[in-house]
Amino acid sequence: MAGGLVASIIAFAVGAVLDFAVTASPDQHGFNIHTVGVILMIVGVVGAVLSLLGPAAILITRLASA
């Protein structure tokens, strides 16, 4: 649980840096670094939520089937 949460926080932090702190011209060809930052922030939030809710969901499923 803690490892997944730490990885999610790191992914969110890297995404925030890429989105807000890196300056890149929008006229450049290739991938958009700001889009990569937003995607990493979304992945970080989803990972953190799943990391926090994962053990609770397993417990509820086990209690419901008992």
N, C-alpha and C. Protein backbone atom coordinates (compact mmCIF):
# COMPACT_ATOMS: atom_id res chain seq x y z
N MET A 1 0.83 -1.19 0.00
CA MET A 1 0.00 0.00 0.00
C MET A 1 0.87 1.25 0.00
N ALA A 2 1.86 1.30 0.88
CA ALA A 2 2.68 2.51 0.98
C ALA A 2 3.53 2.72 -0.27
N GLY A 3 4.01 1.64 -0.86
CA GLY A 3 4.82 1.76 -2.07
C GLY A 3 4.03 2.33 -3.23
N GLY A 4 2.79 1.90 -3.37
CA GLY A 4 1.94 2.42 -4.44
C GLY A 4 1.60 3.88 -4.23
N LEU A 5 1.40 4.26 -2.98
CA LEU A 5 1.09 5.65 -2.67
C LEU A 5 2.30 6.54 -2.93
N VAL A 6 3.48 6.08 -2.58
CA VAL A 6 4.70 6.86 -2.82
C VAL A 6 4.94 7.02 -4.32
N ALA A 7 4.75 5.96 -5.08
CA ALA A 7 4.92 6.04 -6.53
C ALA A 7 3.91 7.00 -7.15
N SER A 8 2.70 7.01 -6.63
CA SER A 8 1.67 7.92 -7.13
C SER A 8 2.02 9.37 -6.84
N ILE A 9 2.54 9.63 -5.66
CA ILE A 9 2.93 10.99 -5.30
C ILE A 9 4.09 11.45 -6.17
N ILE A 10 5.04 10.56 -6.42
CA ILE A 10 6.17 10.92 -7.29
C ILE A 10 5.70 11.19 -8.71
N ALA A 11 4.80 10.36 -9.23
CA ALA A 11 4.26 10.58 -10.58
C ALA A 11 3.54 11.92 -10.66
N PHE A 12 2.76 12.25 -9.63
CA PHE A 12 2.05 13.53 -9.62
C PHE A 12 3.05 14.69 -9.57
N ALA A 13 4.07 14.57 -8.74
CA ALA A 13 5.06 15.65 -8.61
C ALA A 13 5.82 15.86 -9.92
N VAL A 14 6.23 14.80 -10.56
CA VAL A 14 6.94 14.92 -11.84
C VAL A 14 6.01 15.54 -12.89
N GLY A 15 4.75 15.13 -12.89
CA GLY A 15 3.79 15.70 -13.83
C GLY A 15 3.57 17.18 -13.60
N ALA A 16 3.51 17.58 -12.32
CA ALA A 16 3.33 19.00 -12.01
C ALA A 16 4.53 19.82 -12.47
N VAL A 17 5.72 19.30 -12.29
CA VAL A 17 6.92 20.00 -12.74
C VAL A 17 6.90 20.14 -14.26
N LEU A 18 6.56 19.06 -14.95
CA LEU A 18 6.53 19.12 -16.42
C LEU A 18 5.45 20.07 -16.92
N ASP A 19 4.36 20.16 -16.21
CA ASP A 19 3.26 21.00 -16.67
C ASP A 19 3.47 22.47 -16.33
N PHE A 20 3.93 22.75 -15.12
CA PHE A 20 3.98 24.14 -14.66
C PHE A 20 5.37 24.78 -14.71
N ALA A 21 6.43 23.99 -14.54
CA ALA A 21 7.76 24.59 -14.40
C ALA A 21 8.60 24.55 -15.66
N VAL A 22 8.29 23.68 -16.59
CA VAL A 22 9.08 23.56 -17.80
C VAL A 22 8.50 24.48 -18.86
N THR A 23 9.36 25.28 -19.46
CA THR A 23 8.90 26.16 -20.53
C THR A 23 9.29 25.54 -21.86
N ALA A 24 8.31 25.36 -22.72
CA ALA A 24 8.55 24.81 -24.04
C ALA A 24 7.64 25.53 -25.03
N SER A 25 8.14 25.72 -26.21
CA SER A 25 7.37 26.41 -27.24
C SER A 25 6.27 25.49 -27.77
N PRO A 26 5.05 25.99 -27.88
CA PRO A 26 3.98 25.14 -28.41
C PRO A 26 4.12 24.86 -29.90
N ASP A 27 5.05 25.56 -30.56
CA ASP A 27 5.25 25.37 -32.00
C ASP A 27 6.20 24.22 -32.32
N GLN A 28 6.77 23.60 -31.30
CA GLN A 28 7.72 22.51 -31.53
C GLN A 28 6.98 21.26 -32.00
N HIS A 29 7.66 20.50 -32.84
CA HIS A 29 7.08 19.24 -33.31
C HIS A 29 7.40 18.14 -32.31
N GLY A 30 6.63 17.10 -32.35
CA GLY A 30 6.83 16.00 -31.42
C GLY A 30 5.74 16.01 -30.36
N PHE A 31 6.06 15.51 -29.20
CA PHE A 31 5.05 15.45 -28.14
C PHE A 31 5.05 16.74 -27.33
N ASN A 32 3.91 17.04 -26.76
CA ASN A 32 3.74 18.23 -25.95
C ASN A 32 4.09 17.89 -24.49
N ILE A 33 5.12 18.53 -23.97
CA ILE A 33 5.58 18.22 -22.61
C ILE A 33 4.53 18.56 -21.56
N HIS A 34 3.70 19.55 -21.82
CA HIS A 34 2.65 19.91 -20.86
C HIS A 34 1.55 18.85 -20.82
N THR A 35 1.27 18.25 -21.96
CA THR A 35 0.29 17.16 -22.00
C THR A 35 0.81 15.95 -21.23
N VAL A 36 2.08 15.67 -21.37
CA VAL A 36 2.68 14.57 -20.60
C VAL A 36 2.57 14.87 -19.11
N GLY A 37 2.79 16.11 -18.72
CA GLY A 37 2.66 16.48 -17.31
C GLY A 37 1.25 16.28 -16.79
N VAL A 38 0.25 16.67 -17.57
CA VAL A 38 -1.15 16.49 -17.14
C VAL A 38 -1.48 15.00 -17.03
N ILE A 39 -1.02 14.21 -17.99
CA ILE A 39 -1.28 12.77 -17.95
C ILE A 39 -0.64 12.15 -16.71
N LEU A 40 0.59 12.54 -16.39
CA LEU A 40 1.24 12.01 -15.18
C LEU A 40 0.51 12.43 -13.91
N MET A 41 -0.01 13.65 -13.88
CA MET A 41 -0.76 14.07 -12.69
C MET A 41 -2.05 13.26 -12.55
N ILE A 42 -2.73 12.98 -13.66
CA ILE A 42 -3.95 12.17 -13.60
C ILE A 42 -3.62 10.75 -13.15
N VAL A 43 -2.55 10.18 -13.68
CA VAL A 43 -2.13 8.84 -13.28
C VAL A 43 -1.77 8.81 -11.79
N GLY A 44 -1.13 9.87 -11.31
CA GLY A 44 -0.77 9.94 -9.90
C GLY A 44 -1.99 9.98 -9.00
N VAL A 45 -2.99 10.76 -9.37
CA VAL A 45 -4.21 10.86 -8.56
C VAL A 45 -4.97 9.53 -8.57
N VAL A 46 -5.13 8.94 -9.74
CA VAL A 46 -5.84 7.66 -9.83
C VAL A 46 -5.10 6.58 -9.05
N GLY A 47 -3.78 6.55 -9.18
CA GLY A 47 -2.99 5.57 -8.43
C GLY A 47 -3.09 5.75 -6.94
N ALA A 48 -3.10 7.01 -6.48
CA ALA A 48 -3.22 7.26 -5.04
C ALA A 48 -4.58 6.82 -4.52
N VAL A 49 -5.62 7.13 -5.27
CA VAL A 49 -6.97 6.73 -4.85
C VAL A 49 -7.09 5.21 -4.80
N LEU A 50 -6.60 4.54 -5.84
CA LEU A 50 -6.66 3.08 -5.84
C LEU A 50 -5.79 2.48 -4.74
N SER A 51 -4.68 3.11 -4.46
CA SER A 51 -3.80 2.62 -3.40
C SER A 51 -4.46 2.74 -2.04
N LEU A 52 -5.19 3.83 -1.84
CA LEU A 52 -5.86 4.03 -0.55
C LEU A 52 -7.14 3.21 -0.42
N LEU A 53 -7.86 3.03 -1.52
CA LEU A 53 -9.13 2.31 -1.47
C LEU A 53 -8.98 0.82 -1.72
N GLY A 54 -7.86 0.40 -2.26
CA GLY A 54 -7.66 -1.01 -2.58
C GLY A 54 -7.84 -1.94 -1.41
N PRO A 55 -7.14 -1.74 -0.30
CA PRO A 55 -7.30 -2.63 0.85
C PRO A 55 -8.72 -2.58 1.43
N ALA A 56 -9.36 -1.43 1.41
CA ALA A 56 -10.73 -1.34 1.93
C ALA A 56 -11.69 -2.11 1.05
N ALA A 57 -11.50 -2.04 -0.26
CA ALA A 57 -12.37 -2.78 -1.18
C ALA A 57 -12.21 -4.28 -1.01
N ILE A 58 -10.99 -4.73 -0.77
CA ILE A 58 -10.76 -6.16 -0.56
C ILE A 58 -11.43 -6.61 0.74
N LEU A 59 -11.32 -5.81 1.78
CA LEU A 59 -11.95 -6.15 3.06
C LEU A 59 -13.45 -6.21 2.93
N ILE A 60 -14.04 -5.25 2.26
CA ILE A 60 -15.51 -5.24 2.08
C ILE A 60 -15.96 -6.45 1.28
N THR A 61 -15.21 -6.80 0.25
CA THR A 61 -15.56 -7.98 -0.55
C THR A 61 -15.49 -9.24 0.28
N ARG A 62 -14.48 -9.36 1.12
CA ARG A 62 -14.35 -10.55 1.96
C ARG A 62 -15.46 -10.61 3.01
N LEU A 63 -15.83 -9.49 3.59
CA LEU A 63 -16.89 -9.48 4.59
C LEU A 63 -18.24 -9.78 3.95
N ALA A 64 -18.46 -9.31 2.73
CA ALA A 64 -19.73 -9.54 2.06
C ALA A 64 -19.89 -11.01 1.67
N SER A 65 -18.80 -11.68 1.34
CA SER A 65 -18.90 -13.07 0.91
C SER A 65 -18.92 -14.04 2.10
N ALA A 66 -18.61 -13.58 3.29
CA ALA A 66 -18.57 -14.46 4.46
C ALA A 66 -19.94 -14.77 5.00
